[in-house]
Amino acid sequence: MNERKGLILKLSLLSVVMIIAFTKCRKDSDCKLQASAPAQGSDMIFVYEAKIISGQGSISSLTYVSSNGEITVENPRMPWRDTVLVPGAVSASVSAVGTIEGGRLQLNCILPLSHSTWGNFCVHN
């Protein structure tokens, strides 16, 4: 009987710790995202995109790599998308800072030639 009470107490404490951890995570609506593809060895066309899958959100700053170097866009209109040439010796990369409330913010780096996508997302409930 005492073993059962001890097990119930341990499970109760674990549940409280988990609830606190998840609640703390959900309060933070700030997102820092990055998606990147490895260097391809030859110049390639990449598509970068940022979109709100659900909820209300925005991106305050978005930076990506192209043949013109690193480009930063402040407060891009969502959904955002750009097609660029990336030098073969460089890793294709896009990063963003934003917020999301009650939904999901997604960032993708797409190589259309091989139908490959590298992505990242931020969720806030």
PDB file of N, CA and C in Angstrom:
ATOM      1  N   MET A   1       0.816  -1.186   0.000  1.00  0.00           N
ATOM      2  CA  MET A   1       0.000   0.000   0.000  1.00  0.00           C
ATOM      3  C   MET A   1       0.867   1.260   0.000  1.00  0.00           C
ATOM      4  N   ASN A   2       1.907   1.309   0.842  1.00  0.00           N
ATOM      5  CA  ASN A   2       2.799   2.457   0.889  1.00  0.00           C
ATOM      6  C   ASN A   2       3.555   2.641  -0.424  1.00  0.00           C
ATOM      7  N   GLU A   3       3.899   1.525  -1.090  1.00  0.00           N
ATOM      8  CA  GLU A   3       4.577   1.608  -2.384  1.00  0.00           C
ATOM      9  C   GLU A   3       3.664   2.266  -3.412  1.00  0.00           C
ATOM     10  N   ARG A   4       2.390   1.926  -3.364  1.00  0.00           N
ATOM     11  CA  ARG A   4       1.420   2.493  -4.308  1.00  0.00           C
ATOM     12  C   ARG A   4       1.255   4.000  -4.069  1.00  0.00           C
ATOM     13  N   LYS A   5       1.168   4.414  -2.808  1.00  0.00           N
ATOM     14  CA  LYS A   5       1.056   5.836  -2.490  1.00  0.00           C
ATOM     15  C   LYS A   5       2.296   6.591  -2.950  1.00  0.00           C
ATOM     16  N   GLY A   6       3.463   5.984  -2.769  1.00  0.00           N
ATOM     17  CA  GLY A   6       4.724   6.600  -3.204  1.00  0.00           C
ATOM     18  C   GLY A   6       4.767   6.769  -4.717  1.00  0.00           C
ATOM     19  N   LEU A   7       4.284   5.758  -5.452  1.00  0.00           N
ATOM     20  CA  LEU A   7       4.246   5.822  -6.906  1.00  0.00           C
ATOM     21  C   LEU A   7       3.273   6.913  -7.377  1.00  0.00           C
ATOM     22  N   ILE A   8       2.116   6.987  -6.743  1.00  0.00           N
ATOM     23  CA  ILE A   8       1.125   8.009  -7.091  1.00  0.00           C
ATOM     24  C   ILE A   8       1.692   9.397  -6.826  1.00  0.00           C
ATOM     25  N   LEU A   9       2.389   9.577  -5.704  1.00  0.00           N
ATOM     26  CA  LEU A   9       2.992  10.866  -5.382  1.00  0.00           C
ATOM     27  C   LEU A   9       4.049  11.248  -6.417  1.00  0.00           C
ATOM     28  N   LYS A  10       4.906  10.284  -6.807  1.00  0.00           N
ATOM     29  CA  LYS A  10       5.941  10.556  -7.804  1.00  0.00           C
ATOM     30  C   LYS A  10       5.324  10.932  -9.140  1.00  0.00           C
ATOM     31  N   LEU A  11       4.299  10.211  -9.566  1.00  0.00           N
ATOM     32  CA  LEU A  11       3.637  10.516 -10.831  1.00  0.00           C
ATOM     33  C   LEU A  11       2.955  11.881 -10.789  1.00  0.00           C
ATOM     34  N   SER A  12       2.374  12.229  -9.656  1.00  0.00           N
ATOM     35  CA  SER A  12       1.724  13.532  -9.504  1.00  0.00           C
ATOM     36  C   SER A  12       2.747  14.657  -9.615  1.00  0.00           C
ATOM     37  N   LEU A  13       3.885  14.506  -8.956  1.00  0.00           N
ATOM     38  CA  LEU A  13       4.936  15.523  -9.010  1.00  0.00           C
ATOM     39  C   LEU A  13       5.494  15.651 -10.426  1.00  0.00           C
ATOM     40  N   LEU A  14       5.672  14.517 -11.106  1.00  0.00           N
ATOM     41  CA  LEU A  14       6.161  14.538 -12.478  1.00  0.00           C
ATOM     42  C   LEU A  14       5.168  15.261 -13.380  1.00  0.00           C
ATOM     43  N   SER A  15       3.886  15.027 -13.193  1.00  0.00           N
ATOM     44  CA  SER A  15       2.852  15.693 -13.987  1.00  0.00           C
ATOM     45  C   SER A  15       2.882  17.203 -13.782  1.00  0.00           C
ATOM     46  N   VAL A  16       3.048  17.644 -12.543  1.00  0.00           N
ATOM     47  CA  VAL A  16       3.107  19.076 -12.248  1.00  0.00           C
ATOM     48  C   VAL A  16       4.323  19.696 -12.931  1.00  0.00           C
ATOM     49  N   VAL A  17       5.474  19.031 -12.870  1.00  0.00           N
ATOM     50  CA  VAL A  17       6.692  19.545 -13.505  1.00  0.00           C
ATOM     51  C   VAL A  17       6.495  19.643 -15.015  1.00  0.00           C
ATOM     52  N   MET A  18       5.879  18.644 -15.627  1.00  0.00           N
ATOM     53  CA  MET A  18       5.640  18.664 -17.070  1.00  0.00           C
ATOM     54  C   MET A  18       4.680  19.779 -17.459  1.00  0.00           C
ATOM     55  N   ILE A  19       3.636  19.982 -16.698  1.00  0.00           N
ATOM     56  CA  ILE A  19       2.668  21.047 -16.996  1.00  0.00           C
ATOM     57  C   ILE A  19       3.345  22.408 -16.918  1.00  0.00           C
ATOM     58  N   ILE A  20       4.174  22.621 -15.900  1.00  0.00           N
ATOM     59  CA  ILE A  20       4.890  23.887 -15.757  1.00  0.00           C
ATOM     60  C   ILE A  20       5.829  24.090 -16.946  1.00  0.00           C
ATOM     61  N   ALA A  21       6.543  23.042 -17.366  1.00  0.00           N
ATOM     62  CA  ALA A  21       7.477  23.155 -18.489  1.00  0.00           C
ATOM     63  C   ALA A  21       6.742  23.508 -19.776  1.00  0.00           C
ATOM     64  N   PHE A  22       5.654  22.837 -20.078  1.00  0.00           N
ATOM     65  CA  PHE A  22       4.911  23.117 -21.305  1.00  0.00           C
ATOM     66  C   PHE A  22       4.233  24.476 -21.256  1.00  0.00           C
ATOM     67  N   THR A  23       3.721  24.872 -20.114  1.00  0.00           N
ATOM     68  CA  THR A  23       3.085  26.173 -19.985  1.00  0.00           C
ATOM     69  C   THR A  23       4.112  27.274 -20.210  1.00  0.00           C
ATOM     70  N   LYS A  24       5.286  27.128 -19.666  1.00  0.00           N
ATOM     71  CA  LYS A  24       6.336  28.124 -19.843  1.00  0.00           C
ATOM     72  C   LYS A  24       6.711  28.231 -21.312  1.00  0.00           C
ATOM     73  N   CYS A  25       6.813  27.111 -21.998  1.00  0.00           N
ATOM     74  CA  CYS A  25       7.160  27.101 -23.404  1.00  0.00           C
ATOM     75  C   CYS A  25       6.111  27.843 -24.227  1.00  0.00           C
ATOM     76  N   ARG A  26       4.848  27.659 -23.947  1.00  0.00           N
ATOM     77  CA  ARG A  26       3.767  28.240 -24.729  1.00  0.00           C
ATOM     78  C   ARG A  26       3.653  29.755 -24.561  1.00  0.00           C
ATOM     79  N   LYS A  27       4.174  30.310 -23.477  1.00  0.00           N
ATOM     80  CA  LYS A  27       4.057  31.745 -23.244  1.00  0.00           C
ATOM     81  C   LYS A  27       4.978  32.542 -24.170  1.00  0.00           C
ATOM     82  N   ASP A  28       6.026  31.925 -24.679  1.00  0.00           N
ATOM     83  CA  ASP A  28       6.992  32.615 -25.515  1.00  0.00           C
ATOM     84  C   ASP A  28       6.553  32.546 -26.972  1.00  0.00           C
ATOM     85  N   SER A  29       6.123  33.672 -27.533  1.00  0.00           N
ATOM     86  CA  SER A  29       5.666  33.690 -28.914  1.00  0.00           C
ATOM     87  C   SER A  29       6.765  34.155 -29.876  1.00  0.00           C
ATOM     88  N   ASP A  30       7.961  34.469 -29.370  1.00  0.00           N
ATOM     89  CA  ASP A  30       9.072  34.886 -30.218  1.00  0.00           C
ATOM     90  C   ASP A  30       9.688  33.683 -30.921  1.00  0.00           C
ATOM     91  N   CYS A  31      10.038  33.863 -32.183  1.00  0.00           N
ATOM     92  CA  CYS A  31      10.606  32.782 -32.979  1.00  0.00           C
ATOM     93  C   CYS A  31      11.912  33.228 -33.622  1.00  0.00           C
ATOM     94  N   LYS A  32      12.896  32.372 -33.554  1.00  0.00           N
ATOM     95  CA  LYS A  32      14.141  32.533 -34.306  1.00  0.00           C
ATOM     96  C   LYS A  32      14.291  31.266 -35.125  1.00  0.00           C
ATOM     97  N   LEU A  33      14.189  31.413 -36.441  1.00  0.00           N
ATOM     98  CA  LEU A  33      14.182  30.262 -37.333  1.00  0.00           C
ATOM     99  C   LEU A  33      15.359  30.310 -38.300  1.00  0.00           C
ATOM    100  N   GLN A  34      15.821  29.123 -38.705  1.00  0.00           N
ATOM    101  CA  GLN A  34      16.837  29.026 -39.748  1.00  0.00           C
ATOM    102  C   GLN A  34      16.619  27.734 -40.520  1.00  0.00           C
ATOM    103  N   ALA A  35      16.765  27.820 -41.834  1.00  0.00           N
ATOM    104  CA  ALA A  35      16.711  26.649 -42.700  1.00  0.00           C
ATOM    105  C   ALA A  35      17.871  26.765 -43.674  1.00  0.00           C
ATOM    106  N   SER A  36      18.613  25.682 -43.841  1.00  0.00           N
ATOM    107  CA  SER A  36      19.755  25.746 -44.751  1.00  0.00           C
ATOM    108  C   SER A  36      19.968  24.412 -45.451  1.00  0.00           C
ATOM    109  N   ALA A  37      20.540  24.491 -46.630  1.00  0.00           N
ATOM    110  CA  ALA A  37      20.882  23.319 -47.436  1.00  0.00           C
ATOM    111  C   ALA A  37      22.392  23.303 -47.615  1.00  0.00           C
ATOM    112  N   PRO A  38      22.982  22.128 -47.718  1.00  0.00           N
ATOM    113  CA  PRO A  38      24.431  22.065 -47.916  1.00  0.00           C
ATOM    114  C   PRO A  38      24.839  22.638 -49.279  1.00  0.00           C
ATOM    115  N   ALA A  39      26.091  23.066 -49.385  1.00  0.00           N
ATOM    116  CA  ALA A  39      26.620  23.551 -50.663  1.00  0.00           C
ATOM    117  C   ALA A  39      26.437  22.454 -51.712  1.00  0.00           C
ATOM    118  N   GLN A  40      26.030  22.846 -52.920  1.00  0.00           N
ATOM    119  CA  GLN A  40      25.684  21.875 -53.967  1.00  0.00           C
ATOM    120  C   GLN A  40      26.822  21.571 -54.936  1.00  0.00           C
ATOM    121  N   GLY A  41      27.924  22.332 -54.896  1.00  0.00           N
ATOM    122  CA  GLY A  41      29.051  22.069 -55.792  1.00  0.00           C
ATOM    123  C   GLY A  41      28.972  22.822 -57.114  1.00  0.00           C
ATOM    124  N   SER A  42      27.786  23.248 -57.490  1.00  0.00           N
ATOM    125  CA  SER A  42      27.615  24.100 -58.672  1.00  0.00           C
ATOM    126  C   SER A  42      26.476  25.067 -58.387  1.00  0.00           C
ATOM    127  N   ASP A  43      26.455  26.166 -59.121  1.00  0.00           N
ATOM    128  CA  ASP A  43      25.427  27.179 -58.894  1.00  0.00           C
ATOM    129  C   ASP A  43      24.041  26.564 -59.085  1.00  0.00           C
ATOM    130  N   MET A  44      23.124  26.853 -58.159  1.00  0.00           N
ATOM    131  CA  MET A  44      21.774  26.284 -58.196  1.00  0.00           C
ATOM    132  C   MET A  44      20.737  27.351 -57.891  1.00  0.00           C
ATOM    133  N   ILE A  45      19.559  27.171 -58.450  1.00  0.00           N
ATOM    134  CA  ILE A  45      18.409  28.017 -58.149  1.00  0.00           C
ATOM    135  C   ILE A  45      17.733  27.466 -56.892  1.00  0.00           C
ATOM    136  N   PHE A  46      17.535  28.339 -55.912  1.00  0.00           N
ATOM    137  CA  PHE A  46      16.829  27.982 -54.684  1.00  0.00           C
ATOM    138  C   PHE A  46      15.619  28.888 -54.525  1.00  0.00           C
ATOM    139  N   VAL A  47      14.607  28.371 -53.853  1.00  0.00           N
ATOM    140  CA  VAL A  47      13.433  29.159 -53.489  1.00  0.00           C
ATOM    141  C   VAL A  47      13.406  29.231 -51.968  1.00  0.00           C
ATOM    142  N   TYR A  48      13.341  30.446 -51.454  1.00  0.00           N
ATOM    143  CA  TYR A  48      13.191  30.654 -50.013  1.00  0.00           C
ATOM    144  C   TYR A  48      11.763  31.108 -49.768  1.00  0.00           C
ATOM    145  N   GLU A  49      11.162  30.607 -48.679  1.00  0.00           N
ATOM    146  CA  GLU A  49       9.815  31.063 -48.362  1.00  0.00           C
ATOM    147  C   GLU A  49       9.588  31.111 -46.863  1.00  0.00           C
ATOM    148  N   ALA A  50       8.735  32.046 -46.474  1.00  0.00           N
ATOM    149  CA  ALA A  50       8.300  32.184 -45.083  1.00  0.00           C
ATOM    150  C   ALA A  50       6.792  32.345 -45.127  1.00  0.00           C
ATOM    151  N   LYS A  51       6.108  31.614 -44.246  1.00  0.00           N
ATOM    152  CA  LYS A  51       4.645  31.715 -44.249  1.00  0.00           C
ATOM    153  C   LYS A  51       4.074  31.396 -42.888  1.00  0.00           C
ATOM    154  N   ILE A  52       2.899  31.962 -42.660  1.00  0.00           N
ATOM    155  CA  ILE A  52       2.138  31.672 -41.451  1.00  0.00           C
ATOM    156  C   ILE A  52       1.167  30.562 -41.820  1.00  0.00           C
ATOM    157  N   ILE A  53       1.334  29.401 -41.192  1.00  0.00           N
ATOM    158  CA  ILE A  53       0.472  28.262 -41.481  1.00  0.00           C
ATOM    159  C   ILE A  53      -0.881  28.456 -40.802  1.00  0.00           C
ATOM    160  N   SER A  54      -0.851  28.970 -39.581  1.00  0.00           N
ATOM    161  CA  SER A  54      -2.082  29.265 -38.845  1.00  0.00           C
ATOM    162  C   SER A  54      -1.772  30.301 -37.774  1.00  0.00           C
ATOM    163  N   GLY A  55      -2.811  30.915 -37.231  1.00  0.00           N
ATOM    164  CA  GLY A  55      -2.628  31.914 -36.184  1.00  0.00           C
ATOM    165  C   GLY A  55      -2.284  33.282 -36.747  1.00  0.00           C
ATOM    166  N   GLN A  56      -1.832  34.159 -35.865  1.00  0.00           N
ATOM    167  CA  GLN A  56      -1.453  35.528 -36.218  1.00  0.00           C
ATOM    168  C   GLN A  56       0.036  35.697 -35.957  1.00  0.00           C
ATOM    169  N   GLY A  57       0.757  36.208 -36.936  1.00  0.00           N
ATOM    170  CA  GLY A  57       2.182  36.382 -36.732  1.00  0.00           C
ATOM    171  C   GLY A  57       2.799  37.314 -37.739  1.00  0.00           C
ATOM    172  N   SER A  58       4.080  37.532 -37.571  1.00  0.00           N
ATOM    173  CA  SER A  58       4.827  38.382 -38.486  1.00  0.00           C
ATOM    174  C   SER A  58       6.309  38.056 -38.361  1.00  0.00           C
ATOM    175  N   ILE A  59       7.067  38.522 -39.342  1.00  0.00           N
ATOM    176  CA  ILE A  59       8.524  38.420 -39.302  1.00  0.00           C
ATOM    177  C   ILE A  59       9.067  39.836 -39.302  1.00  0.00           C
ATOM    178  N   SER A  60       9.925  40.123 -38.345  1.00  0.00           N
ATOM    179  CA  SER A  60      10.505  41.464 -38.269  1.00  0.00           C
ATOM    180  C   SER A  60      11.769  41.582 -39.116  1.00  0.00           C
ATOM    181  N   SER A  61      12.495  40.485 -39.276  1.00  0.00           N
ATOM    182  CA  SER A  61      13.729  40.504 -40.063  1.00  0.00           C
ATOM    183  C   SER A  61      13.967  39.132 -40.674  1.00  0.00           C
ATOM    184  N   LEU A  62      14.335  39.123 -41.952  1.00  0.00           N
ATOM    185  CA  LEU A  62      14.592  37.880 -42.666  1.00  0.00           C
ATOM    186  C   LEU A  62      15.882  38.067 -43.458  1.00  0.00           C
ATOM    187  N   THR A  63      16.803  37.105 -43.371  1.00  0.00           N
ATOM    188  CA  THR A  63      18.089  37.193 -44.061  1.00  0.00           C
ATOM    189  C   THR A  63      18.320  35.923 -44.865  1.00  0.00           C
ATOM    190  N   TYR A  64      18.770  36.088 -46.110  1.00  0.00           N
ATOM    191  CA  TYR A  64      19.031  34.917 -46.941  1.00  0.00           C
ATOM    192  C   TYR A  64      20.279  35.118 -47.788  1.00  0.00           C
ATOM    193  N   VAL A  65      20.802  34.008 -48.305  1.00  0.00           N
ATOM    194  CA  VAL A  65      22.027  34.001 -49.096  1.00  0.00           C
ATOM    195  C   VAL A  65      21.663  33.861 -50.577  1.00  0.00           C
ATOM    196  N   SER A  66      22.343  34.655 -51.414  1.00  0.00           N
ATOM    197  CA  SER A  66      22.166  34.552 -52.867  1.00  0.00           C
ATOM    198  C   SER A  66      23.514  34.827 -53.535  1.00  0.00           C
ATOM    199  N   SER A  67      23.516  34.838 -54.863  1.00  0.00           N
ATOM    200  CA  SER A  67      24.752  35.166 -55.590  1.00  0.00           C
ATOM    201  C   SER A  67      25.164  36.616 -55.350  1.00  0.00           C
ATOM    202  N   ASN A  68      24.255  37.437 -54.833  1.00  0.00           N
ATOM    203  CA  ASN A  68      24.564  38.837 -54.482  1.00  0.00           C
ATOM    204  C   ASN A  68      25.032  38.983 -53.043  1.00  0.00           C
ATOM    205  N   GLY A  69      25.257  37.871 -52.361  1.00  0.00           N
ATOM    206  CA  GLY A  69      25.686  37.908 -50.966  1.00  0.00           C
ATOM    207  C   GLY A  69      24.513  37.701 -50.026  1.00  0.00           C
ATOM    208  N   GLU A  70      24.671  38.199 -48.815  1.00  0.00           N
ATOM    209  CA  GLU A  70      23.623  38.070 -47.799  1.00  0.00           C
ATOM    210  C   GLU A  70      22.667  39.262 -47.912  1.00  0.00           C
ATOM    211  N   ILE A  71      21.383  38.970 -48.000  1.00  0.00           N
ATOM    212  CA  ILE A  71      20.367  40.004 -48.171  1.00  0.00           C
ATOM    213  C   ILE A  71      19.426  39.971 -46.974  1.00  0.00           C
ATOM    214  N   THR A  72      19.135  41.139 -46.411  1.00  0.00           N
ATOM    215  CA  THR A  72      18.208  41.238 -45.278  1.00  0.00           C
ATOM    216  C   THR A  72      16.980  42.033 -45.695  1.00  0.00           C
ATOM    217  N   VAL A  73      15.820  41.508 -45.343  1.00  0.00           N
ATOM    218  CA  VAL A  73      14.545  42.165 -45.615  1.00  0.00           C
ATOM    219  C   VAL A  73      13.889  42.454 -44.271  1.00  0.00           C
ATOM    220  N   GLU A  74      13.543  43.702 -44.031  1.00  0.00           N
ATOM    221  CA  GLU A  74      12.866  44.087 -42.796  1.00  0.00           C
ATOM    222  C   GLU A  74      11.351  44.030 -43.000  1.00  0.00           C
ATOM    223  N   ASN A  75      10.655  43.440 -42.057  1.00  0.00           N
ATOM    224  CA  ASN A  75       9.185  43.353 -42.061  1.00  0.00           C
ATOM    225  C   ASN A  75       8.606  42.887 -43.401  1.00  0.00           C
ATOM    226  N   PRO A  76       9.031  41.712 -43.888  1.00  0.00           N
ATOM    227  CA  PRO A  76       8.504  41.243 -45.167  1.00  0.00           C
ATOM    228  C   PRO A  76       7.002  40.951 -45.079  1.00  0.00           C
ATOM    229  N   ARG A  77       6.289  41.219 -46.160  1.00  0.00           N
ATOM    230  CA  ARG A  77       4.855  40.906 -46.231  1.00  0.00           C
ATOM    231  C   ARG A  77       4.712  39.385 -46.328  1.00  0.00           C
ATOM    232  N   MET A  78       3.790  38.851 -45.555  1.00  0.00           N
ATOM    233  CA  MET A  78       3.584  37.404 -45.510  1.00  0.00           C
ATOM    234  C   MET A  78       2.420  37.006 -46.412  1.00  0.00           C
ATOM    235  N   PRO A  79       2.455  35.882 -47.098  1.00  0.00           N
ATOM    236  CA  PRO A  79       3.615  34.996 -47.205  1.00  0.00           C
ATOM    237  C   PRO A  79       4.710  35.644 -48.053  1.00  0.00           C
ATOM    238  N   TRP A  80       5.951  35.308 -47.764  1.00  0.00           N
ATOM    239  CA  TRP A  80       7.100  35.857 -48.467  1.00  0.00           C
ATOM    240  C   TRP A  80       7.772  34.730 -49.240  1.00  0.00           C
ATOM    241  N   ARG A  81       8.255  35.055 -50.443  1.00  0.00           N
ATOM    242  CA  ARG A  81       8.921  34.045 -51.273  1.00  0.00           C
ATOM    243  C   ARG A  81       9.889  34.752 -52.219  1.00  0.00           C
ATOM    244  N   ASP A  82      11.082  34.158 -52.421  1.00  0.00           N
ATOM    245  CA  ASP A  82      12.031  34.695 -53.381  1.00  0.00           C
ATOM    246  C   ASP A  82      12.790  33.536 -54.019  1.00  0.00           C
ATOM    247  N   THR A  83      13.063  33.674 -55.314  1.00  0.00           N
ATOM    248  CA  THR A  83      13.832  32.683 -56.064  1.00  0.00           C
ATOM    249  C   THR A  83      15.176  33.306 -56.386  1.00  0.00           C
ATOM    250  N   VAL A  84      16.262  32.622 -56.001  1.00  0.00           N
ATOM    251  CA  VAL A  84      17.602  33.192 -56.146  1.00  0.00           C
ATOM    252  C   VAL A  84      18.592  32.146 -56.657  1.00  0.00           C
ATOM    253  N   LEU A  85      19.684  32.639 -57.206  1.00  0.00           N
ATOM    254  CA  LEU A  85      20.805  31.801 -57.596  1.00  0.00           C
ATOM    255  C   LEU A  85      21.781  31.768 -56.423  1.00  0.00           C
ATOM    256  N   VAL A  86      22.194  30.565 -56.019  1.00  0.00           N
ATOM    257  CA  VAL A  86      23.144  30.412 -54.913  1.00  0.00           C
ATOM    258  C   VAL A  86      24.406  29.761 -55.468  1.00  0.00           C
ATOM    259  N   PRO A  87      25.583  30.381 -55.244  1.00  0.00           N
ATOM    260  CA  PRO A  87      26.839  29.804 -55.729  1.00  0.00           C
ATOM    261  C   PRO A  87      27.068  28.394 -55.175  1.00  0.00           C
ATOM    262  N   GLY A  88      27.674  27.547 -55.990  1.00  0.00           N
ATOM    263  CA  GLY A  88      27.871  26.146 -55.623  1.00  0.00           C
ATOM    264  C   GLY A  88      28.712  25.901 -54.390  1.00  0.00           C
ATOM    265  N   ALA A  89      29.617  26.814 -54.066  1.00  0.00           N
ATOM    266  CA  ALA A  89      30.492  26.636 -52.904  1.00  0.00           C
ATOM    267  C   ALA A  89      29.863  27.141 -51.608  1.00  0.00           C
ATOM    268  N   VAL A  90      28.642  27.688 -51.711  1.00  0.00           N
ATOM    269  CA  VAL A  90      27.990  28.317 -50.560  1.00  0.00           C
ATOM    270  C   VAL A  90      26.770  27.507 -50.131  1.00  0.00           C
ATOM    271  N   SER A  91      26.560  27.427 -48.843  1.00  0.00           N
ATOM    272  CA  SER A  91      25.357  26.791 -48.306  1.00  0.00           C
ATOM    273  C   SER A  91      24.181  27.741 -48.469  1.00  0.00           C
ATOM    274  N   ALA A  92      23.097  27.256 -49.078  1.00  0.00           N
ATOM    275  CA  ALA A  92      21.881  28.069 -49.185  1.00  0.00           C
ATOM    276  C   ALA A  92      21.284  28.183 -47.785  1.00  0.00           C
ATOM    277  N   SER A  93      20.925  29.390 -47.388  1.00  0.00           N
ATOM    278  CA  SER A  93      20.460  29.581 -46.019  1.00  0.00           C
ATOM    279  C   SER A  93      19.492  30.752 -45.930  1.00  0.00           C
ATOM    280  N   VAL A  94      18.470  30.582 -45.093  1.00  0.00           N
ATOM    281  CA  VAL A  94      17.519  31.650 -44.807  1.00  0.00           C
ATOM    282  C   VAL A  94      17.245  31.617 -43.306  1.00  0.00           C
ATOM    283  N   SER A  95      17.201  32.776 -42.680  1.00  0.00           N
ATOM    284  CA  SER A  95      16.906  32.853 -41.248  1.00  0.00           C
ATOM    285  C   SER A  95      15.927  34.002 -41.025  1.00  0.00           C
ATOM    286  N   ALA A  96      15.182  33.902 -39.939  1.00  0.00           N
ATOM    287  CA  ALA A  96      14.174  34.923 -39.661  1.00  0.00           C
ATOM    288  C   ALA A  96      13.953  35.069 -38.163  1.00  0.00           C
ATOM    289  N   VAL A  97      13.521  36.269 -37.784  1.00  0.00           N
ATOM    290  CA  VAL A  97      13.104  36.562 -36.414  1.00  0.00           C
ATOM    291  C   VAL A  97      11.679  37.077 -36.511  1.00  0.00           C
ATOM    292  N   GLY A  98      10.783  36.497 -35.717  1.00  0.00           N
ATOM    293  CA  GLY A  98       9.394  36.922 -35.773  1.00  0.00           C
ATOM    294  C   GLY A  98       8.621  36.494 -34.547  1.00  0.00           C
ATOM    295  N   THR A  99       7.311  36.601 -34.656  1.00  0.00           N
ATOM    296  CA  THR A  99       6.427  36.172 -33.578  1.00  0.00           C
ATOM    297  C   THR A  99       5.248  35.425 -34.170  1.00  0.00           C
ATOM    298  N   ILE A 100       4.649  34.558 -33.358  1.00  0.00           N
ATOM    299  CA  ILE A 100       3.451  33.824 -33.765  1.00  0.00           C
ATOM    300  C   ILE A 100       2.565  33.651 -32.540  1.00  0.00           C
ATOM    301  N   GLU A 101       1.285  33.872 -32.715  1.00  0.00           N
ATOM    302  CA  GLU A 101       0.302  33.705 -31.641  1.00  0.00           C
ATOM    303  C   GLU A 101      -0.738  32.693 -32.104  1.00  0.00           C
ATOM    304  N   GLY A 102      -0.889  31.633 -31.359  1.00  0.00           N
ATOM    305  CA  GLY A 102      -1.933  30.652 -31.643  1.00  0.00           C
ATOM    306  C   GLY A 102      -1.780  29.958 -32.976  1.00  0.00           C
ATOM    307  N   GLY A 103      -0.559  29.615 -33.354  1.00  0.00           N
ATOM    308  CA  GLY A 103      -0.384  28.953 -34.633  1.00  0.00           C
ATOM    309  C   GLY A 103       1.035  28.569 -34.928  1.00  0.00           C
ATOM    310  N   ARG A 104       1.367  28.578 -36.229  1.00  0.00           N
ATOM    311  CA  ARG A 104       2.659  28.072 -36.686  1.00  0.00           C
ATOM    312  C   ARG A 104       3.245  28.992 -37.756  1.00  0.00           C
ATOM    313  N   LEU A 105       4.511  29.338 -37.591  1.00  0.00           N
ATOM    314  CA  LEU A 105       5.284  30.128 -38.535  1.00  0.00           C
ATOM    315  C   LEU A 105       6.319  29.196 -39.153  1.00  0.00           C
ATOM    316  N   GLN A 106       6.414  29.187 -40.487  1.00  0.00           N
ATOM    317  CA  GLN A 106       7.295  28.228 -41.153  1.00  0.00           C
ATOM    318  C   GLN A 106       8.261  28.930 -42.099  1.00  0.00           C
ATOM    319  N   LEU A 107       9.488  28.403 -42.181  1.00  0.00           N
ATOM    320  CA  LEU A 107      10.553  28.924 -43.030  1.00  0.00           C
ATOM    321  C   LEU A 107      11.102  27.755 -43.840  1.00  0.00           C
ATOM    322  N   ASN A 108      11.224  27.921 -45.171  1.00  0.00           N
ATOM    323  CA  ASN A 108      11.706  26.835 -46.030  1.00  0.00           C
ATOM    324  C   ASN A 108      12.806  27.296 -46.968  1.00  0.00           C
ATOM    325  N   CYS A 109      13.696  26.368 -47.272  1.00  0.00           N
ATOM    326  CA  CYS A 109      14.755  26.518 -48.257  1.00  0.00           C
ATOM    327  C   CYS A 109      14.540  25.362 -49.237  1.00  0.00           C
ATOM    328  N   ILE A 110      14.176  25.673 -50.484  1.00  0.00           N
ATOM    329  CA  ILE A 110      13.758  24.645 -51.433  1.00  0.00           C
ATOM    330  C   ILE A 110      14.713  24.597 -52.625  1.00  0.00           C
ATOM    331  N   LEU A 111      15.121  23.389 -53.008  1.00  0.00           N
ATOM    332  CA  LEU A 111      15.928  23.165 -54.207  1.00  0.00           C
ATOM    333  C   LEU A 111      15.005  22.501 -55.225  1.00  0.00           C
ATOM    334  N   PRO A 112      14.392  23.295 -56.126  1.00  0.00           N
ATOM    335  CA  PRO A 112      13.394  22.741 -57.054  1.00  0.00           C
ATOM    336  C   PRO A 112      13.929  21.625 -57.952  1.00  0.00           C
ATOM    337  N   LEU A 113      15.201  21.700 -58.356  1.00  0.00           N
ATOM    338  CA  LEU A 113      15.778  20.711 -59.260  1.00  0.00           C
ATOM    339  C   LEU A 113      15.667  19.289 -58.716  1.00  0.00           C
ATOM    340  N   SER A 114      15.872  19.139 -57.403  1.00  0.00           N
ATOM    341  CA  SER A 114      15.822  17.794 -56.792  1.00  0.00           C
ATOM    342  C   SER A 114      14.569  17.577 -55.949  1.00  0.00           C
ATOM    343  N   HIS A 115      13.662  18.561 -55.965  1.00  0.00           N
ATOM    344  CA  HIS A 115      12.434  18.492 -55.155  1.00  0.00           C
ATOM    345  C   HIS A 115      12.753  18.312 -53.670  1.00  0.00           C
ATOM    346  N   SER A 116      13.846  18.933 -53.214  1.00  0.00           N
ATOM    347  CA  SER A 116      14.266  18.833 -51.810  1.00  0.00           C
ATOM    348  C   SER A 116      13.882  20.106 -51.063  1.00  0.00           C
ATOM    349  N   THR A 117      13.462  19.922 -49.813  1.00  0.00           N
ATOM    350  CA  THR A 117      13.109  21.056 -48.961  1.00  0.00           C
ATOM    351  C   THR A 117      13.764  20.892 -47.598  1.00  0.00           C
ATOM    352  N   TRP A 118      14.379  21.957 -47.128  1.00  0.00           N
ATOM    353  CA  TRP A 118      14.908  22.032 -45.767  1.00  0.00           C
ATOM    354  C   TRP A 118      14.058  23.102 -45.070  1.00  0.00           C
ATOM    355  N   GLY A 119      13.492  22.780 -43.923  1.00  0.00           N
ATOM    356  CA  GLY A 119      12.609  23.717 -43.295  1.00  0.00           C
ATOM    357  C   GLY A 119      12.727  23.748 -41.789  1.00  0.00           C
ATOM    358  N   ASN A 120      12.055  24.724 -41.212  1.00  0.00           N
ATOM    359  CA  ASN A 120      11.999  24.886 -39.770  1.00  0.00           C
ATOM    360  C   ASN A 120      10.711  25.621 -39.442  1.00  0.00           C
ATOM    361  N   PHE A 121      10.173  25.386 -38.247  1.00  0.00           N
ATOM    362  CA  PHE A 121       8.941  26.069 -37.868  1.00  0.00           C
ATOM    363  C   PHE A 121       8.926  26.368 -36.387  1.00  0.00           C
ATOM    364  N   CYS A 122       8.061  27.300 -36.031  1.00  0.00           N
ATOM    365  CA  CYS A 122       7.859  27.713 -34.644  1.00  0.00           C
ATOM    366  C   CYS A 122       6.365  27.617 -34.355  1.00  0.00           C
ATOM    367  N   VAL A 123       6.027  26.991 -33.231  1.00  0.00           N
ATOM    368  CA  VAL A 123       4.615  26.802 -32.869  1.00  0.00           C
ATOM    369  C   VAL A 123       4.336  27.508 -31.550  1.00  0.00           C
ATOM    370  N   HIS A 124       3.198  28.175 -31.481  1.00  0.00           N
ATOM    371  CA  HIS A 124       2.747  28.796 -30.246  1.00  0.00           C
ATOM    372  C   HIS A 124       1.250  28.551 -30.112  1.00  0.00           C
ATOM    373  N   ASN A 125       0.854  27.968 -28.992  1.00  0.00           N
ATOM    374  CA  ASN A 125      -0.580  27.671 -28.778  1.00  0.00           C
ATOM    375  C   ASN A 125      -1.242  28.739 -27.953  1.00  0.00           C
TER     376      ASN A 125
END
